[in-house]
Amino acid sequence: MKTIYIVRHAKSSWEYEGIDDIDRPLKKRGIKDAYLIAKVLKKKINKPDAFISSCASRALHTGVIFCNTMGFPMANFKISKSLYSFSDGYLVKTIKALDDDYDAAIIFSHDHGINTFVNTYGNKPITHVPTCGVIGIEFDTKHWKNIKSGKTVLKEFPKHYKQ
């Protein structure tokens, strides 16, 4: 059995002029949401074997918060330039290339690729994964390269915890 957790980066800021999209930082709300959801996951799931992030600042910052909150060693946190893509192609390639020694992994990525992936590989349609939303999909396979359709086992969004 293999389980992938996909996290859309937390809410980013648009207030800085003249910076490239890849360098956009998190807003205060995004930082707060990342801590909130990381704490929720720490209680709900076993710590994943791998943490992998897009190289975009907002995804990296989200991933670092999750690593620290969930007790994952920063030395093992992986950064993937290819995940800074807004299609599911690189997301699929990254997941299928995971080491089979990992039973669970968590990936920090971007909007469109995540929505496409969870609706292609999960069994519960999701209209939109919000910022800092997490979807978990379980696959009945021993090898990541063989993932096909899986079972959506987790859906956590920050709005579920706000009043």
Protein backbone atom coordinates (compact mmCIF):
# COMPACT_ATOMS: atom_id res chain seq x y z
CA MET A 1 0.00 0.00 0.00
CA LYS A 2 1.29 3.49 -0.92
CA THR A 3 -0.16 6.80 0.24
CA ILE A 4 0.49 10.22 -1.22
CA TYR A 5 -0.44 13.45 0.54
CA ILE A 6 -0.56 16.46 -1.72
CA VAL A 7 -0.54 19.93 -0.18
CA ARG A 8 -1.33 23.05 -2.12
CA HIS A 9 1.02 25.76 -0.86
CA ALA A 10 -0.44 28.13 1.72
CA LYS A 11 -1.84 31.56 0.83
CA SER A 12 0.79 33.72 -0.85
CA SER A 13 1.19 37.46 -0.98
CA TRP A 14 0.72 39.62 -4.07
CA GLU A 15 1.74 42.85 -2.33
CA TYR A 16 5.35 42.92 -3.55
CA GLU A 17 5.94 44.52 -6.92
CA GLY A 18 8.81 43.54 -9.15
CA ILE A 19 9.40 40.03 -7.85
CA ASP A 20 9.07 36.94 -9.98
CA ASP A 21 6.18 34.56 -9.37
CA ILE A 22 8.55 31.89 -8.08
CA ASP A 23 9.69 34.26 -5.30
CA ARG A 24 6.27 35.26 -3.94
CA PRO A 25 6.24 34.77 -0.14
CA LEU A 26 3.47 33.56 2.11
CA LYS A 27 0.99 35.97 3.68
CA LYS A 28 0.53 35.98 7.46
CA ARG A 29 -2.71 34.07 6.91
CA GLY A 30 -0.81 31.47 4.87
CA ILE A 31 1.72 30.95 7.63
CA LYS A 32 -1.07 30.58 10.19
CA ASP A 33 -2.94 28.09 7.96
CA ALA A 34 0.22 26.05 7.34
CA TYR A 35 0.81 25.62 11.08
CA LEU A 36 -2.86 24.78 11.61
CA ILE A 37 -3.03 22.08 8.93
CA ALA A 38 0.41 20.66 9.82
CA LYS A 39 -0.79 20.21 13.43
CA VAL A 40 -3.98 18.53 12.20
CA LEU A 41 -1.98 16.13 9.99
CA LYS A 42 0.47 15.33 12.78
CA LYS A 43 -2.48 13.99 14.80
CA LYS A 44 -4.26 12.22 11.91
CA ILE A 45 -1.53 10.45 9.95
CA ASN A 46 1.77 8.69 10.46
CA LYS A 47 4.71 10.87 9.52
CA PRO A 48 5.39 10.39 5.78
CA ASP A 49 8.72 8.91 4.70
CA ALA A 50 9.46 11.71 2.23
CA PHE A 51 8.72 15.44 2.06
CA ILE A 52 9.16 16.99 -1.42
CA SER A 53 8.46 20.57 -2.46
CA SER A 54 8.29 22.74 -5.52
CA CYS A 55 11.16 25.21 -5.57
CA ALA A 56 8.76 28.19 -5.36
CA SER A 57 9.21 30.21 -2.17
CA ARG A 58 5.56 29.80 -1.11
CA ALA A 59 5.67 26.00 -1.47
CA LEU A 60 9.06 25.75 0.24
CA HIS A 61 7.92 27.85 3.20
CA THR A 62 4.78 25.71 3.53
CA GLY A 63 6.90 22.55 3.41
CA VAL A 64 9.35 23.83 6.02
CA ILE A 65 6.48 24.59 8.40
CA PHE A 66 5.12 21.06 7.91
CA CYS A 67 8.58 19.50 8.39
CA ASN A 68 9.19 21.38 11.63
CA THR A 69 5.69 20.75 12.98
CA MET A 70 5.67 17.05 12.08
CA GLY A 71 9.25 16.40 13.22
CA PHE A 72 10.68 15.55 9.81
CA PRO A 73 14.45 16.19 9.47
CA MET A 74 15.15 19.21 7.27
CA ALA A 75 18.26 17.45 5.94
CA ASN A 76 15.93 14.96 4.19
CA PHE A 77 13.53 17.59 2.78
CA LYS A 78 13.75 17.43 -1.01
CA ILE A 79 13.24 20.28 -3.46
CA SER A 80 12.11 19.65 -7.02
CA LYS A 81 12.36 22.31 -9.72
CA SER A 82 10.02 20.28 -11.91
CA LEU A 83 7.17 20.65 -9.38
CA TYR A 84 7.12 24.38 -10.14
CA SER A 85 4.70 23.60 -12.92
CA PHE A 86 1.01 24.14 -13.18
CA SER A 87 0.21 20.83 -14.83
CA ASP A 88 -0.16 17.40 -13.29
CA GLY A 89 2.47 15.86 -15.60
CA TYR A 90 5.44 16.66 -13.38
CA LEU A 91 3.48 15.79 -10.28
CA VAL A 92 2.68 12.35 -11.71
CA LYS A 93 6.33 11.84 -12.77
CA THR A 94 7.56 12.85 -9.31
CA ILE A 95 5.18 10.47 -7.56
CA LYS A 96 5.87 7.54 -9.91
CA ALA A 97 9.62 8.05 -9.36
CA LEU A 98 9.39 7.80 -5.57
CA ASP A 99 11.56 5.19 -3.89
CA ASP A 100 9.53 2.04 -3.23
CA ASP A 101 10.96 1.96 0.30
CA TYR A 102 8.63 4.90 1.03
CA ASP A 103 5.13 3.85 1.99
CA ALA A 104 3.94 7.45 2.28
CA ALA A 105 5.12 10.78 0.92
CA ILE A 106 3.94 14.38 1.09
CA ILE A 107 4.34 16.81 -1.79
CA PHE A 108 3.96 20.60 -1.71
CA SER A 109 2.89 21.95 -5.07
CA HIS A 110 0.53 24.22 -7.01
CA ASP A 111 -3.15 24.63 -7.88
CA HIS A 112 -3.90 23.24 -11.34
CA GLY A 113 -1.64 20.22 -11.18
CA ILE A 114 -3.09 19.20 -7.83
CA ASN A 115 -6.72 19.51 -8.91
CA THR A 116 -6.09 17.48 -12.04
CA PHE A 117 -4.14 14.82 -10.15
CA VAL A 118 -6.67 14.28 -7.35
CA ASN A 119 -9.55 14.06 -9.82
CA THR A 120 -7.66 11.63 -12.05
CA TYR A 121 -6.22 9.37 -9.35
CA GLY A 122 -8.63 9.78 -6.41
CA ASN A 123 -12.12 8.33 -6.16
CA LYS A 124 -13.85 11.44 -4.78
CA PRO A 125 -14.21 14.39 -7.17
CA ILE A 126 -12.94 17.68 -5.77
CA THR A 127 -13.89 20.94 -7.41
CA HIS A 128 -11.07 23.01 -5.98
CA VAL A 129 -8.23 22.39 -3.55
CA PRO A 130 -7.80 25.67 -1.63
CA THR A 131 -4.51 27.09 -0.44
CA CYS A 132 -2.99 24.84 2.23
CA GLY A 133 -5.55 22.15 1.40
CA VAL A 134 -4.33 18.56 1.72
CA ILE A 135 -5.61 15.53 -0.14
CA GLY A 136 -4.49 12.00 0.71
CA ILE A 137 -4.81 9.18 -1.81
CA GLU A 138 -4.06 5.53 -1.05
CA PHE A 139 -2.94 3.14 -3.78
CA ASP A 140 -3.15 -0.64 -3.62
CA THR A 141 0.32 -1.27 -5.04
CA LYS A 142 3.86 -2.06 -3.91
CA HIS A 143 5.48 0.16 -6.52
CA TRP A 144 4.92 3.88 -7.00
CA LYS A 145 5.48 3.55 -10.75
CA ASN A 146 2.35 1.37 -10.95
CA ILE A 147 -0.14 3.79 -9.39
CA LYS A 148 -3.45 3.93 -11.14
CA SER A 149 -6.73 4.93 -9.57
CA GLY A 150 -6.65 5.07 -5.81
CA LYS A 151 -8.89 5.76 -2.86
CA THR A 152 -9.17 9.29 -1.49
CA VAL A 153 -8.57 8.82 2.23
CA LEU A 154 -8.03 12.35 3.50
CA LYS A 155 -9.34 15.81 2.71
CA GLU A 156 -8.30 18.60 5.06
CA PHE A 157 -8.87 22.26 4.26
CA PRO A 158 -8.16 25.24 6.56
CA LYS A 159 -11.78 26.39 6.31
CA HIS A 160 -12.84 23.23 8.17
CA TYR A 161 -11.12 24.61 11.27
CA LYS A 162 -12.14 28.27 11.17
CA GLN A 163 -15.22 29.79 12.73
